[in-house]
PDB file of N, CA and C in Angstrom:
ATOM      1  N   MET A   1      73.639  62.563 -93.757  1.00  0.00           N
ATOM      2  CA  MET A   1      73.976  62.768 -95.021  1.00  0.00           C
ATOM      3  C   MET A   1      74.061  61.759 -95.660  1.00  0.00           C
ATOM      4  N   VAL A   2      75.466  61.133 -95.198  1.00  0.00           N
ATOM      5  CA  VAL A   2      75.973  59.973 -95.898  1.00  0.00           C
ATOM      6  C   VAL A   2      75.026  58.712 -96.022  1.00  0.00           C
ATOM      7  N   TRP A   3      74.020  58.409 -94.947  1.00  0.00           N
ATOM      8  CA  TRP A   3      73.206  57.585 -95.034  1.00  0.00           C
ATOM      9  C   TRP A   3      71.977  57.812 -96.208  1.00  0.00           C
ATOM     10  N   PHE A   4      71.668  59.056 -96.328  1.00  0.00           N
ATOM     11  CA  PHE A   4      71.047  59.399 -97.436  1.00  0.00           C
ATOM     12  C   PHE A   4      71.246  59.427 -98.613  1.00  0.00           C
ATOM     13  N   LEU A   5      72.493  59.647 -98.830  1.00  0.00           N
ATOM     14  CA  LEU A   5      72.955  59.429-100.344  1.00  0.00           C
ATOM     15  C   LEU A   5      73.176  57.684-100.758  1.00  0.00           C
ATOM     16  N   PHE A   6      73.289  57.024 -99.572  1.00  0.00           N
ATOM     17  CA  PHE A   6      73.568  55.535 -99.938  1.00  0.00           C
ATOM     18  C   PHE A   6      72.091  55.303-100.114  1.00  0.00           C
ATOM     19  N   TYR A   7      71.196  55.562 -99.349  1.00  0.00           N
ATOM     20  CA  TYR A   7      69.606  55.174 -99.687  1.00  0.00           C
ATOM     21  C   TYR A   7      69.255  55.402-100.821  1.00  0.00           C
ATOM     22  N   GLU A   8      69.679  56.894-101.377  1.00  0.00           N
ATOM     23  CA  GLU A   8      68.755  57.269-102.631  1.00  0.00           C
ATOM     24  C   GLU A   8      69.619  56.402-103.789  1.00  0.00           C
ATOM     25  N   ARG A   9      70.994  55.987-103.584  1.00  0.00           N
ATOM     26  CA  ARG A   9      71.759  55.337-104.727  1.00  0.00           C
ATOM     27  C   ARG A   9      71.014  54.018-104.638  1.00  0.00           C
ATOM     28  N   LEU A  10      70.871  53.458-103.522  1.00  0.00           N
ATOM     29  CA  LEU A  10      70.527  52.271-103.575  1.00  0.00           C
ATOM     30  C   LEU A  10      68.957  51.909-104.297  1.00  0.00           C
ATOM     31  N   LEU A  11      68.138  52.923-103.906  1.00  0.00           N
ATOM     32  CA  LEU A  11      66.632  52.981-104.414  1.00  0.00           C
ATOM     33  C   LEU A  11      66.921  53.284-105.872  1.00  0.00           C
ATOM     34  N   ILE A  12      67.765  53.918-106.572  1.00  0.00           N
ATOM     35  CA  ILE A  12      67.696  54.354-107.994  1.00  0.00           C
ATOM     36  C   ILE A  12      68.320  52.953-108.612  1.00  0.00           C
ATOM     37  N   GLN A  13      68.860  52.219-108.095  1.00  0.00           N
ATOM     38  CA  GLN A  13      69.440  50.860-108.355  1.00  0.00           C
ATOM     39  C   GLN A  13      68.275  49.981-108.431  1.00  0.00           C
ATOM     40  N   LEU A  14      67.461  49.879-107.276  1.00  0.00           N
ATOM     41  CA  LEU A  14      66.279  49.264-107.215  1.00  0.00           C
ATOM     42  C   LEU A  14      65.272  49.391-108.258  1.00  0.00           C
ATOM     43  N   CYS A  15      65.070  50.739-108.481  1.00  0.00           N
ATOM     44  CA  CYS A  15      63.965  51.041-109.604  1.00  0.00           C
ATOM     45  C   CYS A  15      64.102  50.272-110.845  1.00  0.00           C
ATOM     46  N   PHE A  16      65.142  49.873-111.205  1.00  0.00           N
ATOM     47  CA  PHE A  16      65.217  48.703-112.110  1.00  0.00           C
ATOM     48  C   PHE A  16      64.550  47.670-112.152  1.00  0.00           C
ATOM     49  N   ILE A  17      63.721  47.186-111.122  1.00  0.00           N
ATOM     50  CA  ILE A  17      63.281  46.326-110.411  1.00  0.00           C
ATOM     51  C   ILE A  17      61.565  46.579-110.747  1.00  0.00           C
ATOM     52  N   MET A  18      60.853  46.010-111.360  1.00  0.00           N
ATOM     53  CA  MET A  18      59.730  46.165-111.778  1.00  0.00           C
ATOM     54  C   MET A  18      58.498  46.524-110.713  1.00  0.00           C
ATOM     55  N   THR A  19      58.533  45.759-109.448  1.00  0.00           N
ATOM     56  CA  THR A  19      57.975  45.888-108.272  1.00  0.00           C
ATOM     57  C   THR A  19      58.893  46.083-107.149  1.00  0.00           C
ATOM     58  N   VAL A  20      58.509  47.294-106.489  1.00  0.00           N
ATOM     59  CA  VAL A  20      59.337  47.466-105.167  1.00  0.00           C
ATOM     60  C   VAL A  20      58.252  47.305-103.989  1.00  0.00           C
ATOM     61  N   ILE A  21      58.553  46.855-103.182  1.00  0.00           N
ATOM     62  CA  ILE A  21      57.726  46.557-101.779  1.00  0.00           C
ATOM     63  C   ILE A  21      58.510  47.390-100.763  1.00  0.00           C
ATOM     64  N   PRO A  22      57.964  48.510-100.453  1.00  0.00           N
ATOM     65  CA  PRO A  22      58.695  49.148 -99.140  1.00  0.00           C
ATOM     66  C   PRO A  22      58.397  48.705 -97.779  1.00  0.00           C
ATOM     67  N   PHE A  23      59.276  48.503 -97.151  1.00  0.00           N
ATOM     68  CA  PHE A  23      58.835  48.283 -95.399  1.00  0.00           C
ATOM     69  C   PHE A  23      59.721  48.979 -94.399  1.00  0.00           C
ATOM     70  N   ASN A  24      59.538  49.248 -93.385  1.00  0.00           N
ATOM     71  CA  ASN A  24      60.288  49.912 -92.610  1.00  0.00           C
ATOM     72  C   ASN A  24      59.850  49.580 -91.092  1.00  0.00           C
ATOM     73  N   SER A  25      61.057  49.251 -90.426  1.00  0.00           N
ATOM     74  CA  SER A  25      60.860  49.073 -88.711  1.00  0.00           C
ATOM     75  C   SER A  25      61.501  50.427 -88.386  1.00  0.00           C
ATOM     76  N   ASN A  26      60.803  50.746 -87.141  1.00  0.00           N
ATOM     77  CA  ASN A  26      61.524  51.987 -86.442  1.00  0.00           C
ATOM     78  C   ASN A  26      61.279  52.073 -84.994  1.00  0.00           C
ATOM     79  N   ALA A  27      62.005  52.840 -84.225  1.00  0.00           N
ATOM     80  CA  ALA A  27      61.858  53.040 -82.898  1.00  0.00           C
ATOM     81  C   ALA A  27      60.736  53.888 -82.397  1.00  0.00           C
ATOM     82  N   GLY A  28      59.766  54.117 -83.013  1.00  0.00           N
ATOM     83  CA  GLY A  28      58.717  54.956 -82.777  1.00  0.00           C
ATOM     84  C   GLY A  28      58.652  56.156 -83.738  1.00  0.00           C
ATOM     85  N   TYR A  29      59.758  56.643 -84.620  1.00  0.00           N
ATOM     86  CA  TYR A  29      59.278  57.877 -85.453  1.00  0.00           C
ATOM     87  C   TYR A  29      58.712  57.612 -86.614  1.00  0.00           C
ATOM     88  N   GLY A  30      58.367  56.376 -86.955  1.00  0.00           N
ATOM     89  CA  GLY A  30      57.529  56.003 -88.174  1.00  0.00           C
ATOM     90  C   GLY A  30      58.327  56.057 -89.713  1.00  0.00           C
ATOM     91  N   VAL A  31      57.650  55.965 -90.640  1.00  0.00           N
ATOM     92  CA  VAL A  31      58.211  56.069 -92.246  1.00  0.00           C
ATOM     93  C   VAL A  31      58.587  57.428 -92.467  1.00  0.00           C
ATOM     94  N   GLY A  32      57.872  58.323 -92.075  1.00  0.00           N
ATOM     95  CA  GLY A  32      58.091  59.644 -92.425  1.00  0.00           C
ATOM     96  C   GLY A  32      57.799  60.106 -93.965  1.00  0.00           C
ATOM     97  N   SER A  33      58.529  60.448 -94.809  1.00  0.00           N
ATOM     98  CA  SER A  33      58.232  60.619 -95.940  1.00  0.00           C
ATOM     99  C   SER A  33      59.219  59.514 -96.915  1.00  0.00           C
ATOM    100  N   GLY A  34      59.476  58.544 -96.124  1.00  0.00           N
ATOM    101  CA  GLY A  34      60.275  57.310 -96.896  1.00  0.00           C
ATOM    102  C   GLY A  34      59.480  56.630 -98.158  1.00  0.00           C
ATOM    103  N   PHE A  35      58.190  56.440 -97.830  1.00  0.00           N
ATOM    104  CA  PHE A  35      57.575  55.487 -98.799  1.00  0.00           C
ATOM    105  C   PHE A  35      57.347  56.563-100.124  1.00  0.00           C
ATOM    106  N   GLN A  36      56.956  57.784 -99.668  1.00  0.00           N
ATOM    107  CA  GLN A  36      56.852  58.813-100.836  1.00  0.00           C
ATOM    108  C   GLN A  36      57.976  58.868-101.773  1.00  0.00           C
ATOM    109  N   THR A  37      59.255  58.945-101.190  1.00  0.00           N
ATOM    110  CA  THR A  37      60.356  58.861-101.574  1.00  0.00           C
ATOM    111  C   THR A  37      60.634  57.715-102.551  1.00  0.00           C
ATOM    112  N   VAL A  38      60.359  56.772-102.070  1.00  0.00           N
ATOM    113  CA  VAL A  38      60.502  55.584-103.032  1.00  0.00           C
ATOM    114  C   VAL A  38      59.876  55.745-104.339  1.00  0.00           C
ATOM    115  N   LYS A  39      58.368  56.203-104.127  1.00  0.00           N
ATOM    116  CA  LYS A  39      57.530  56.392-105.329  1.00  0.00           C
ATOM    117  C   LYS A  39      58.280  57.542-106.251  1.00  0.00           C
ATOM    118  N   GLU A  40      58.518  58.421-105.614  1.00  0.00           N
ATOM    119  CA  GLU A  40      59.318  59.448-106.350  1.00  0.00           C
ATOM    120  C   GLU A  40      60.665  59.269-107.542  1.00  0.00           C
ATOM    121  N   LEU A  41      61.276  58.264-106.679  1.00  0.00           N
ATOM    122  CA  LEU A  41      62.840  57.778-107.143  1.00  0.00           C
ATOM    123  C   LEU A  41      62.378  56.686-108.239  1.00  0.00           C
ATOM    124  N   CYS A  42      61.366  55.896-108.028  1.00  0.00           N
ATOM    125  CA  CYS A  42      61.058  54.979-108.906  1.00  0.00           C
ATOM    126  C   CYS A  42      59.712  54.875-109.735  1.00  0.00           C
ATOM    127  N   PRO A  43      59.605  56.077-110.441  1.00  0.00           N
ATOM    128  CA  PRO A  43      58.572  56.439-111.495  1.00  0.00           C
ATOM    129  C   PRO A  43      57.965  55.217-112.169  1.00  0.00           C
ATOM    130  N   ASP A  44      58.936  54.366-112.799  1.00  0.00           N
ATOM    131  CA  ASP A  44      58.414  53.434-113.719  1.00  0.00           C
ATOM    132  C   ASP A  44      58.230  52.114-113.093  1.00  0.00           C
ATOM    133  N   SER A  45      58.454  52.043-111.836  1.00  0.00           N
ATOM    134  CA  SER A  45      58.257  50.661-111.051  1.00  0.00           C
ATOM    135  C   SER A  45      56.751  50.723-110.098  1.00  0.00           C
ATOM    136  N   LYS A  46      56.212  49.646-110.454  1.00  0.00           N
ATOM    137  CA  LYS A  46      55.141  49.410-109.464  1.00  0.00           C
ATOM    138  C   LYS A  46      55.399  49.494-107.960  1.00  0.00           C
ATOM    139  N   VAL A  47      55.030  50.191-107.116  1.00  0.00           N
ATOM    140  CA  VAL A  47      55.239  50.564-105.767  1.00  0.00           C
ATOM    141  C   VAL A  47      53.987  49.924-104.945  1.00  0.00           C
ATOM    142  N   LEU A  48      54.216  48.668-104.321  1.00  0.00           N
ATOM    143  CA  LEU A  48      53.126  48.192-103.567  1.00  0.00           C
ATOM    144  C   LEU A  48      52.943  49.012-102.403  1.00  0.00           C
ATOM    145  N   LYS A  49      51.730  48.659-101.518  1.00  0.00           N
ATOM    146  CA  LYS A  49      51.456  49.395-100.188  1.00  0.00           C
ATOM    147  C   LYS A  49      52.648  48.970 -99.270  1.00  0.00           C
ATOM    148  N   GLY A  50      53.254  50.051 -98.738  1.00  0.00           N
ATOM    149  CA  GLY A  50      54.346  49.832 -97.648  1.00  0.00           C
ATOM    150  C   GLY A  50      53.843  49.320 -96.242  1.00  0.00           C
ATOM    151  N   PHE A  51      54.659  48.971 -95.530  1.00  0.00           N
ATOM    152  CA  PHE A  51      54.580  48.598 -94.319  1.00  0.00           C
ATOM    153  C   PHE A  51      55.560  49.084 -93.135  1.00  0.00           C
ATOM    154  N   SER A  52      55.104  49.610 -92.304  1.00  0.00           N
ATOM    155  CA  SER A  52      55.735  50.321 -91.152  1.00  0.00           C
ATOM    156  C   SER A  52      55.499  49.729 -89.804  1.00  0.00           C
ATOM    157  N   ILE A  53      56.337  49.415 -88.698  1.00  0.00           N
ATOM    158  CA  ILE A  53      56.039  48.954 -87.416  1.00  0.00           C
ATOM    159  C   ILE A  53      56.894  49.481 -86.780  1.00  0.00           C
ATOM    160  N   LYS A  54      56.371  49.479 -85.649  1.00  0.00           N
ATOM    161  CA  LYS A  54      57.606  50.153 -84.464  1.00  0.00           C
ATOM    162  C   LYS A  54      58.028  48.745 -83.907  1.00  0.00           C
ATOM    163  N   GLY A  55      59.523  49.031 -84.119  1.00  0.00           N
ATOM    164  CA  GLY A  55      60.300  47.647 -83.404  1.00  0.00           C
ATOM    165  C   GLY A  55      60.825  47.980 -82.158  1.00  0.00           C
ATOM    166  N   GLY A  56      62.268  47.316 -82.246  1.00  0.00           N
ATOM    167  CA  GLY A  56      62.956  47.523 -80.787  1.00  0.00           C
ATOM    168  C   GLY A  56      62.942  48.911 -80.796  1.00  0.00           C
ATOM    169  N   ILE A  57      63.381  49.361 -79.375  1.00  0.00           N
ATOM    170  CA  ILE A  57      63.986  50.723 -79.033  1.00  0.00           C
ATOM    171  C   ILE A  57      65.253  50.627 -78.755  1.00  0.00           C
ATOM    172  N   GLU A  58      66.133  51.700 -78.759  1.00  0.00           N
ATOM    173  CA  GLU A  58      67.399  51.899 -78.242  1.00  0.00           C
ATOM    174  C   GLU A  58      67.168  53.072 -77.220  1.00  0.00           C
ATOM    175  N   ARG A  59      67.881  52.689 -76.091  1.00  0.00           N
ATOM    176  CA  ARG A  59      68.014  53.733 -74.844  1.00  0.00           C
ATOM    177  C   ARG A  59      69.536  53.715 -74.400  1.00  0.00           C
ATOM    178  N   ASP A  60      70.247  54.613 -74.516  1.00  0.00           N
ATOM    179  CA  ASP A  60      71.709  54.665 -73.987  1.00  0.00           C
ATOM    180  C   ASP A  60      72.481  53.902 -74.640  1.00  0.00           C
ATOM    181  N   GLY A  61      72.278  53.474 -75.723  1.00  0.00           N
ATOM    182  CA  GLY A  61      73.239  52.360 -76.552  1.00  0.00           C
ATOM    183  C   GLY A  61      72.869  51.182 -76.310  1.00  0.00           C
ATOM    184  N   VAL A  62      71.743  50.777 -75.582  1.00  0.00           N
ATOM    185  CA  VAL A  62      71.351  49.319 -75.493  1.00  0.00           C
ATOM    186  C   VAL A  62      69.692  49.297 -76.274  1.00  0.00           C
ATOM    187  N   LEU A  63      69.893  48.318 -77.099  1.00  0.00           N
ATOM    188  CA  LEU A  63      68.732  47.692 -78.006  1.00  0.00           C
ATOM    189  C   LEU A  63      67.919  46.964 -77.207  1.00  0.00           C
ATOM    190  N   PHE A  64      66.524  47.235 -77.120  1.00  0.00           N
ATOM    191  CA  PHE A  64      65.501  46.401 -76.620  1.00  0.00           C
ATOM    192  C   PHE A  64      64.641  46.009 -77.593  1.00  0.00           C
ATOM    193  N   VAL A  65      64.729  44.733 -77.938  1.00  0.00           N
ATOM    194  CA  VAL A  65      63.982  43.795 -79.000  1.00  0.00           C
ATOM    195  C   VAL A  65      62.844  43.718 -78.512  1.00  0.00           C
ATOM    196  N   MET A  66      61.951  43.317 -79.618  1.00  0.00           N
ATOM    197  CA  MET A  66      60.511  42.760 -79.306  1.00  0.00           C
ATOM    198  C   MET A  66      60.662  41.206 -78.753  1.00  0.00           C
ATOM    199  N   LYS A  67      59.833  40.771 -77.870  1.00  0.00           N
ATOM    200  CA  LYS A  67      59.824  39.849 -77.345  1.00  0.00           C
ATOM    201  C   LYS A  67      58.351  39.352 -76.753  1.00  0.00           C
ATOM    202  N   GLY A  68      58.147  38.049 -76.837  1.00  0.00           N
ATOM    203  CA  GLY A  68      56.794  37.661 -76.315  1.00  0.00           C
ATOM    204  C   GLY A  68      55.817  38.018 -77.094  1.00  0.00           C
ATOM    205  N   GLU A  69      54.534  38.407 -76.660  1.00  0.00           N
ATOM    206  CA  GLU A  69      53.441  38.893 -77.381  1.00  0.00           C
ATOM    207  C   GLU A  69      53.648  40.156 -78.242  1.00  0.00           C
ATOM    208  N   LYS A  70      54.490  41.037 -77.898  1.00  0.00           N
ATOM    209  CA  LYS A  70      54.768  42.033 -78.822  1.00  0.00           C
ATOM    210  C   LYS A  70      55.135  41.476 -80.124  1.00  0.00           C
ATOM    211  N   ALA A  71      56.084  40.468 -79.941  1.00  0.00           N
ATOM    212  CA  ALA A  71      56.698  40.041 -81.202  1.00  0.00           C
ATOM    213  C   ALA A  71      55.603  39.009 -82.065  1.00  0.00           C
ATOM    214  N   LYS A  72      54.767  38.354 -81.410  1.00  0.00           N
ATOM    215  CA  LYS A  72      53.888  37.503 -81.977  1.00  0.00           C
ATOM    216  C   LYS A  72      52.973  38.550 -82.821  1.00  0.00           C
ATOM    217  N   GLU A  73      52.498  39.578 -81.911  1.00  0.00           N
ATOM    218  CA  GLU A  73      51.488  40.525 -82.620  1.00  0.00           C
ATOM    219  C   GLU A  73      52.245  41.283 -83.850  1.00  0.00           C
ATOM    220  N   ALA A  74      53.491  41.553 -83.948  1.00  0.00           N
ATOM    221  CA  ALA A  74      53.972  41.933 -85.041  1.00  0.00           C
ATOM    222  C   ALA A  74      53.863  41.297 -86.064  1.00  0.00           C
ATOM    223  N   GLU A  75      54.281  39.717 -85.948  1.00  0.00           N
ATOM    224  CA  GLU A  75      54.253  38.861 -86.902  1.00  0.00           C
ATOM    225  C   GLU A  75      52.810  38.806 -87.609  1.00  0.00           C
ATOM    226  N   LYS A  76      51.753  38.915 -86.858  1.00  0.00           N
ATOM    227  CA  LYS A  76      50.632  38.662 -87.194  1.00  0.00           C
ATOM    228  C   LYS A  76      50.340  40.018 -88.373  1.00  0.00           C
ATOM    229  N   GLU A  77      50.743  40.981 -87.769  1.00  0.00           N
ATOM    230  CA  GLU A  77      50.459  42.370 -88.457  1.00  0.00           C
ATOM    231  C   GLU A  77      51.106  42.141 -90.037  1.00  0.00           C
ATOM    232  N   GLU A  78      52.466  41.501 -89.739  1.00  0.00           N
ATOM    233  CA  GLU A  78      53.339  41.343 -91.338  1.00  0.00           C
ATOM    234  C   GLU A  78      52.517  40.461 -91.967  1.00  0.00           C
ATOM    235  N   ARG A  79      52.156  39.380 -91.593  1.00  0.00           N
ATOM    236  CA  ARG A  79      51.459  38.669 -92.195  1.00  0.00           C
ATOM    237  C   ARG A  79      50.119  39.032 -92.936  1.00  0.00           C
ATOM    238  N   LYS A  80      49.443  39.753 -92.238  1.00  0.00           N
ATOM    239  CA  LYS A  80      48.326  40.502 -92.871  1.00  0.00           C
ATOM    240  C   LYS A  80      48.531  41.443 -94.094  1.00  0.00           C
ATOM    241  N   TRP A  81      49.634  42.098 -93.830  1.00  0.00           N
ATOM    242  CA  TRP A  81      50.297  43.166 -94.802  1.00  0.00           C
ATOM    243  C   TRP A  81      50.572  42.547 -96.051  1.00  0.00           C
ATOM    244  N   LEU A  82      51.450  41.351 -95.899  1.00  0.00           N
ATOM    245  CA  LEU A  82      51.711  40.395 -96.965  1.00  0.00           C
ATOM    246  C   LEU A  82      50.697  39.683 -97.568  1.00  0.00           C
ATOM    247  N   GLN A  83      49.440  39.451 -96.986  1.00  0.00           N
ATOM    248  CA  GLN A  83      48.519  38.821 -97.654  1.00  0.00           C
ATOM    249  C   GLN A  83      47.411  39.765 -98.567  1.00  0.00           C
ATOM    250  N   GLN A  84      47.521  41.004 -97.934  1.00  0.00           N
ATOM    251  CA  GLN A  84      46.781  42.459 -98.440  1.00  0.00           C
ATOM    252  C   GLN A  84      47.542  42.619 -99.920  1.00  0.00           C
ATOM    253  N   ILE A  85      48.880  42.370 -99.808  1.00  0.00           N
ATOM    254  CA  ILE A  85      49.528  42.767-100.983  1.00  0.00           C
ATOM    255  C   ILE A  85      49.764  41.458-101.845  1.00  0.00           C
ATOM    256  N   LYS A  86      49.111  40.489-101.537  1.00  0.00           N
ATOM    257  CA  LYS A  86      49.296  39.245-102.329  1.00  0.00           C
ATOM    258  C   LYS A  86      50.714  38.572-102.404  1.00  0.00           C
ATOM    259  N   VAL A  87      51.563  38.715-101.497  1.00  0.00           N
ATOM    260  CA  VAL A  87      52.837  38.245-101.683  1.00  0.00           C
ATOM    261  C   VAL A  87      52.616  36.670-101.004  1.00  0.00           C
ATOM    262  N   ILE A  88      51.995  36.422-100.085  1.00  0.00           N
ATOM    263  CA  ILE A  88      51.425  34.944 -99.621  1.00  0.00           C
ATOM    264  C   ILE A  88      50.407  34.914 -99.520  1.00  0.00           C
ATOM    265  N   GLU A  89      49.518  33.698 -99.147  1.00  0.00           N
ATOM    266  CA  GLU A  89      48.060  33.700 -99.100  1.00  0.00           C
ATOM    267  C   GLU A  89      47.711  33.408 -97.734  1.00  0.00           C
TER     268      GLU A  89
END
């Protein structure tokens, strides 16, 4: 609950920005309704297409990060998304 309140307060502050670019890394749960929540809390902002990727996972308090080919593939996917939304060429 505390995290959600912080998240919502942060989004409300960000909504004064004209363009919002949502992104999410997760351990396999996906973005859920997060991007839709951004749109709802920022009705006067332009909300670009969001990006979500499964990142490292945690098991028993140990974080397993992306390495090697998986990290390279994630970077390619991120670059493709940034090109699609015209943030980079």
